[in-house]
Structure formats: structure tokens, C-alpha cells
């Protein structure tokens, strides 16, 4: 260990452990000790059929016996979705209304303005509303950011 890096020491130890494992004549089982069966099926245990292959084979067998194939009825169409209802606050798009929603005060500090920006974004961010209302939410965010940036400029 002296005169070597930690990495070199670890690599040599892992190589030595691997050499010991390779020398074992004991066959490795892919099972967890203490459980009666493994988590992974052994490859030769049962023939596998992929996807729809089993269903196709079954239908071919039924056609040879002279039995009619089962006709699958199509599922009933889903009822039409109701159009989403726009939240009332997204209809307030004037700068005066948004300033009221922000509750901007002359005594606000930079920290309180940042908190008001975060709170407003949680309620109005375009990613948080239905896609039909994203334009209104985007406009509200733009105006709110402009108002808060102007308030911050007045503080400076």
C-alpha cells in the first residue's frame, strides 16, 4: 500500500478478489439465498413466446379445428371531455389589476419583492395552467415581472 495511490490499491484488491472467484469450482446460482426461487427465470426452464406470438398460435390452432374465431368488439368511445374553465385570476390582465394582486407597497424591500415574485409565479406560471390559458398566464407573468423590476429599480 505504501508508495501507491488509493486507486491503484483498490484496483489490485479487486483483481485479487476476482481471481479467487474465478478459481472456484462451485457453480454460481442466480438465486438469492434464503428464498425458494430465483428472481430471474433460467433460460432453458421453459420455452418463451414473445408478445402476440402466443395469441397468433392459438388463433391458428382454433382455425384448424373448424371453430370460428372470436370477434373482438371495439371499445365504446370515451365521453367527450368538458372544456376547461379558466380561473378568474387569469382574466385580470391590466397592470393595475396585477399590481393589486401583487400587493406592491412603497415600503417593500428587495427581499419582500422577491418573495412576492415567487408567490405570484407559483399561482400564475404558464407551466402550471391548462394549455388553453397559457397565453393569459404568460401575459400576467410578463407584466408582474415588469412591475417588480421597476419597483426594484426605484429601491436602488
C-alpha atoms as a PDB file:
ATOM      1  CA  UNK A   1       0.000   0.000   0.000  1.00  0.00           C
ATOM      2  CA  UNK A   2       2.934   2.300   0.603  1.00  0.00           C
ATOM      3  CA  UNK A   3       4.140   4.123  -2.489  1.00  0.00           C
ATOM      4  CA  UNK A   4       0.845   3.570  -4.357  1.00  0.00           C
ATOM      5  CA  UNK A   5      -2.240   5.665  -4.791  1.00  0.00           C
ATOM      6  CA  UNK A   6      -5.502   4.627  -3.190  1.00  0.00           C
ATOM      7  CA  UNK A   7      -6.923   3.934  -6.653  1.00  0.00           C
ATOM      8  CA  UNK A   8      -4.086   1.526  -7.508  1.00  0.00           C
ATOM      9  CA  UNK A   9      -4.567  -0.288  -4.204  1.00  0.00           C
ATOM     10  CA  UNK A  10      -8.294  -0.718  -4.796  1.00  0.00           C
ATOM     11  CA  UNK A  11      -7.783  -1.954  -8.357  1.00  0.00           C
ATOM     12  CA  UNK A  12      -5.236  -4.553  -7.202  1.00  0.00           C
ATOM     13  CA  UNK A  13      -7.517  -5.750  -4.399  1.00  0.00           C
ATOM     14  CA  UNK A  14     -10.483  -6.110  -6.781  1.00  0.00           C
ATOM     15  CA  UNK A  15      -8.318  -8.018  -9.270  1.00  0.00           C
ATOM     16  CA  UNK A  16      -7.205 -10.380  -6.492  1.00  0.00           C
ATOM     17  CA  UNK A  17     -10.817 -10.971  -5.396  1.00  0.00           C
ATOM     18  CA  UNK A  18     -11.867 -11.663  -8.993  1.00  0.00           C
ATOM     19  CA  UNK A  19      -9.039 -14.192  -9.360  1.00  0.00           C
ATOM     20  CA  UNK A  20     -10.275 -16.029  -6.248  1.00  0.00           C
ATOM     21  CA  UNK A  21     -13.838 -16.070  -7.599  1.00  0.00           C
ATOM     22  CA  UNK A  22     -12.678 -17.423 -10.985  1.00  0.00           C
ATOM     23  CA  UNK A  23     -10.790 -20.259  -9.274  1.00  0.00           C
ATOM     24  CA  UNK A  24     -13.909 -21.530  -7.500  1.00  0.00           C
ATOM     25  CA  UNK A  25     -15.247 -24.786  -8.929  1.00  0.00           C
ATOM     26  CA  UNK A  26     -18.602 -24.099  -7.312  1.00  0.00           C
ATOM     27  CA  UNK A  27     -21.258 -23.311  -9.921  1.00  0.00           C
ATOM     28  CA  UNK A  28     -22.870 -19.948  -9.413  1.00  0.00           C
ATOM     29  CA  UNK A  29     -26.622 -19.934  -8.927  1.00  0.00           C
ATOM     30  CA  UNK A  30     -28.680 -16.930  -9.808  1.00  0.00           C
ATOM     31  CA  UNK A  31     -30.765 -17.137  -6.702  1.00  0.00           C
ATOM     32  CA  UNK A  32     -30.961 -15.174  -3.506  1.00  0.00           C
ATOM     33  CA  UNK A  33     -30.001 -17.275  -0.538  1.00  0.00           C
ATOM     34  CA  UNK A  34     -32.928 -17.928   1.750  1.00  0.00           C
ATOM     35  CA  UNK A  35     -35.560 -17.789  -0.988  1.00  0.00           C
ATOM     36  CA  UNK A  36     -37.020 -20.897  -2.582  1.00  0.00           C
ATOM     37  CA  UNK A  37     -36.930 -19.492  -6.108  1.00  0.00           C
ATOM     38  CA  UNK A  38     -34.831 -17.031  -8.042  1.00  0.00           C
ATOM     39  CA  UNK A  39     -35.941 -13.715  -9.391  1.00  0.00           C
ATOM     40  CA  UNK A  40     -34.803 -14.453 -12.920  1.00  0.00           C
ATOM     41  CA  UNK A  41     -36.012 -17.480 -14.834  1.00  0.00           C
ATOM     42  CA  UNK A  42     -33.240 -19.646 -16.191  1.00  0.00           C
ATOM     43  CA  UNK A  43     -33.012 -19.608 -19.971  1.00  0.00           C
ATOM     44  CA  UNK A  44     -33.681 -23.318 -20.538  1.00  0.00           C
ATOM     45  CA  UNK A  45     -36.502 -23.643 -17.984  1.00  0.00           C
ATOM     46  CA  UNK A  46     -39.465 -23.033 -20.309  1.00  0.00           C
ATOM     47  CA  UNK A  47     -39.918 -22.082 -23.918  1.00  0.00           C
ATOM     48  CA  UNK A  48     -40.673 -18.416 -24.280  1.00  0.00           C
ATOM     49  CA  UNK A  49     -43.125 -16.786 -26.609  1.00  0.00           C
ATOM     50  CA  UNK A  50     -42.813 -13.142 -27.368  1.00  0.00           C
ATOM     51  CA  UNK A  51     -45.640 -10.637 -27.463  1.00  0.00           C
ATOM     52  CA  UNK A  52     -48.510 -11.636 -29.686  1.00  0.00           C
ATOM     53  CA  UNK A  53     -46.870 -14.839 -30.917  1.00  0.00           C
ATOM     54  CA  UNK A  54     -48.802 -16.962 -28.394  1.00  0.00           C
ATOM     55  CA  UNK A  55     -52.101 -15.344 -29.384  1.00  0.00           C
ATOM     56  CA  UNK A  56     -51.361 -15.900 -33.087  1.00  0.00           C
ATOM     57  CA  UNK A  57     -50.532 -19.566 -32.473  1.00  0.00           C
ATOM     58  CA  UNK A  58     -53.772 -20.011 -30.518  1.00  0.00           C
ATOM     59  CA  UNK A  59     -55.853 -18.432 -33.307  1.00  0.00           C
ATOM     60  CA  UNK A  60     -54.164 -20.655 -35.905  1.00  0.00           C
ATOM     61  CA  UNK A  61     -54.968 -23.734 -33.823  1.00  0.00           C
ATOM     62  CA  UNK A  62     -58.610 -22.704 -33.432  1.00  0.00           C
ATOM     63  CA  UNK A  63     -58.927 -22.095 -37.210  1.00  0.00           C
ATOM     64  CA  UNK A  64     -57.644 -25.645 -37.931  1.00  0.00           C
ATOM     65  CA  UNK A  65     -60.263 -27.186 -35.605  1.00  0.00           C
ATOM     66  CA  UNK A  66     -63.030 -25.521 -37.620  1.00  0.00           C
ATOM     67  CA  UNK A  67     -64.123 -23.276 -34.793  1.00  0.00           C
ATOM     68  CA  UNK A  68     -64.918 -19.690 -35.587  1.00  0.00           C
ATOM     69  CA  UNK A  69     -62.530 -17.052 -34.373  1.00  0.00           C
ATOM     70  CA  UNK A  70     -63.717 -14.799 -31.596  1.00  0.00           C
ATOM     71  CA  UNK A  71     -64.657 -11.366 -32.845  1.00  0.00           C
ATOM     72  CA  UNK A  72     -63.401  -8.650 -30.546  1.00  0.00           C
ATOM     73  CA  UNK A  73     -65.873  -5.824 -30.142  1.00  0.00           C
ATOM     74  CA  UNK A  74     -64.330  -2.353 -30.294  1.00  0.00           C
ATOM     75  CA  UNK A  75     -64.402  -0.415 -27.062  1.00  0.00           C
ATOM     76  CA  UNK A  76     -67.033   2.251 -26.672  1.00  0.00           C
ATOM     77  CA  UNK A  77     -65.701   5.734 -27.356  1.00  0.00           C
ATOM     78  CA  UNK A  78     -64.896   7.772 -24.292  1.00  0.00           C
ATOM     79  CA  UNK A  79     -67.346  10.536 -23.487  1.00  0.00           C
ATOM     80  CA  UNK A  80     -66.188  13.933 -24.733  1.00  0.00           C
ATOM     81  CA  UNK A  81     -64.199  15.892 -22.202  1.00  0.00           C
ATOM     82  CA  UNK A  82     -65.692  19.041 -20.821  1.00  0.00           C
ATOM     83  CA  UNK A  83     -63.828  22.184 -21.848  1.00  0.00           C
ATOM     84  CA  UNK A  84     -61.610  23.511 -19.047  1.00  0.00           C
ATOM     85  CA  UNK A  85     -62.795  26.527 -17.101  1.00  0.00           C
ATOM     86  CA  UNK A  86     -60.380  29.452 -16.935  1.00  0.00           C
ATOM     87  CA  UNK A  87     -59.554  30.549 -13.377  1.00  0.00           C
ATOM     88  CA  UNK A  88     -60.874  34.043 -12.643  1.00  0.00           C
ATOM     89  CA  UNK A  89     -57.473  35.475 -11.746  1.00  0.00           C
ATOM     90  CA  UNK A  90     -56.137  34.739 -15.257  1.00  0.00           C
ATOM     91  CA  UNK A  91     -58.688  37.159 -16.733  1.00  0.00           C
ATOM     92  CA  UNK A  92     -57.138  40.059 -14.792  1.00  0.00           C
ATOM     93  CA  UNK A  93     -54.620  41.316 -17.375  1.00  0.00           C
ATOM     94  CA  UNK A  94     -54.342  45.054 -16.794  1.00  0.00           C
ATOM     95  CA  UNK A  95     -51.230  46.353 -14.997  1.00  0.00           C
ATOM     96  CA  UNK A  96     -53.440  47.915 -12.273  1.00  0.00           C
ATOM     97  CA  UNK A  97     -55.149  44.568 -11.554  1.00  0.00           C
ATOM     98  CA  UNK A  98     -51.850  42.719 -11.483  1.00  0.00           C
ATOM     99  CA  UNK A  99     -50.344  45.360  -9.171  1.00  0.00           C
ATOM    100  CA  UNK A 100     -53.333  44.786  -6.845  1.00  0.00           C
ATOM    101  CA  UNK A 101     -52.725  41.017  -6.994  1.00  0.00           C
ATOM    102  CA  UNK A 102     -49.056  41.575  -6.170  1.00  0.00           C
ATOM    103  CA  UNK A 103     -49.961  43.958  -3.320  1.00  0.00           C
ATOM    104  CA  UNK A 104     -46.992  46.199  -4.080  1.00  0.00           C
ATOM    105  CA  UNK A 105     -46.229  48.725  -1.347  1.00  0.00           C
ATOM    106  CA  UNK A 106     -43.826  51.656  -1.169  1.00  0.00           C
ATOM    107  CA  UNK A 107     -42.279  50.059   1.913  1.00  0.00           C
ATOM    108  CA  UNK A 108     -41.353  46.782   0.128  1.00  0.00           C
ATOM    109  CA  UNK A 109     -37.714  45.733   0.310  1.00  0.00           C
ATOM    110  CA  UNK A 110     -35.794  43.701  -2.240  1.00  0.00           C
ATOM    111  CA  UNK A 111     -36.397  40.555  -0.174  1.00  0.00           C
ATOM    112  CA  UNK A 112     -40.156  41.131   0.085  1.00  0.00           C
ATOM    113  CA  UNK A 113     -40.361  41.877  -3.646  1.00  0.00           C
ATOM    114  CA  UNK A 114     -38.507  38.642  -4.428  1.00  0.00           C
ATOM    115  CA  UNK A 115     -40.931  36.730  -2.196  1.00  0.00           C
ATOM    116  CA  UNK A 116     -43.914  38.385  -3.918  1.00  0.00           C
ATOM    117  CA  UNK A 117     -42.458  37.417  -7.308  1.00  0.00           C
ATOM    118  CA  UNK A 118     -42.092  33.768  -6.233  1.00  0.00           C
ATOM    119  CA  UNK A 119     -45.593  33.647  -4.736  1.00  0.00           C
ATOM    120  CA  UNK A 120     -47.097  35.201  -7.884  1.00  0.00           C
ATOM    121  CA  UNK A 121     -45.185  32.774 -10.119  1.00  0.00           C
ATOM    122  CA  UNK A 122     -46.435  29.753  -8.148  1.00  0.00           C
ATOM    123  CA  UNK A 123     -50.035  30.799  -8.810  1.00  0.00           C
ATOM    124  CA  UNK A 124     -49.702  32.163 -12.352  1.00  0.00           C
ATOM    125  CA  UNK A 125     -46.823  30.466 -14.178  1.00  0.00           C
ATOM    126  CA  UNK A 126     -47.804  29.266 -17.686  1.00  0.00           C
ATOM    127  CA  UNK A 127     -46.462  25.769 -16.984  1.00  0.00           C
ATOM    128  CA  UNK A 128     -48.957  25.366 -14.141  1.00  0.00           C
ATOM    129  CA  UNK A 129     -52.162  26.119 -16.063  1.00  0.00           C
ATOM    130  CA  UNK A 130     -54.093  24.364 -18.823  1.00  0.00           C
ATOM    131  CA  UNK A 131     -52.568  24.951 -22.224  1.00  0.00           C
ATOM    132  CA  UNK A 132     -55.660  26.862 -23.403  1.00  0.00           C
ATOM    133  CA  UNK A 133     -54.881  29.548 -20.797  1.00  0.00           C
ATOM    134  CA  UNK A 134     -51.104  29.747 -21.185  1.00  0.00           C
ATOM    135  CA  UNK A 135     -51.185  32.968 -23.191  1.00  0.00           C
ATOM    136  CA  UNK A 136     -53.068  34.783 -20.417  1.00  0.00           C
ATOM    137  CA  UNK A 137     -50.758  33.348 -17.748  1.00  0.00           C
ATOM    138  CA  UNK A 138     -47.709  34.329 -19.800  1.00  0.00           C
ATOM    139  CA  UNK A 139     -49.010  37.893 -20.147  1.00  0.00           C
ATOM    140  CA  UNK A 140     -49.674  38.105 -16.384  1.00  0.00           C
ATOM    141  CA  UNK A 141     -46.135  36.898 -15.628  1.00  0.00           C
ATOM    142  CA  UNK A 142     -44.588  39.416 -18.039  1.00  0.00           C
ATOM    143  CA  UNK A 143     -46.489  42.331 -16.513  1.00  0.00           C
ATOM    144  CA  UNK A 144     -45.796  41.194 -12.939  1.00  0.00           C
ATOM    145  CA  UNK A 145     -42.068  40.814 -13.632  1.00  0.00           C
ATOM    146  CA  UNK A 146     -42.020  44.279 -15.225  1.00  0.00           C
ATOM    147  CA  UNK A 147     -43.770  45.833 -12.213  1.00  0.00           C
ATOM    148  CA  UNK A 148     -41.451  44.135  -9.732  1.00  0.00           C
ATOM    149  CA  UNK A 149     -38.349  45.070 -11.758  1.00  0.00           C
ATOM    150  CA  UNK A 150     -39.492  48.725 -11.784  1.00  0.00           C
ATOM    151  CA  UNK A 151     -40.019  48.605  -8.001  1.00  0.00           C
ATOM    152  CA  UNK A 152     -36.531  47.153  -7.545  1.00  0.00           C
ATOM    153  CA  UNK A 153     -35.050  49.888  -9.747  1.00  0.00           C
ATOM    154  CA  UNK A 154     -36.704  52.542  -7.581  1.00  0.00           C
ATOM    155  CA  UNK A 155     -35.105  50.971  -4.496  1.00  0.00           C
ATOM    156  CA  UNK A 156     -31.628  51.166  -5.998  1.00  0.00           C
END
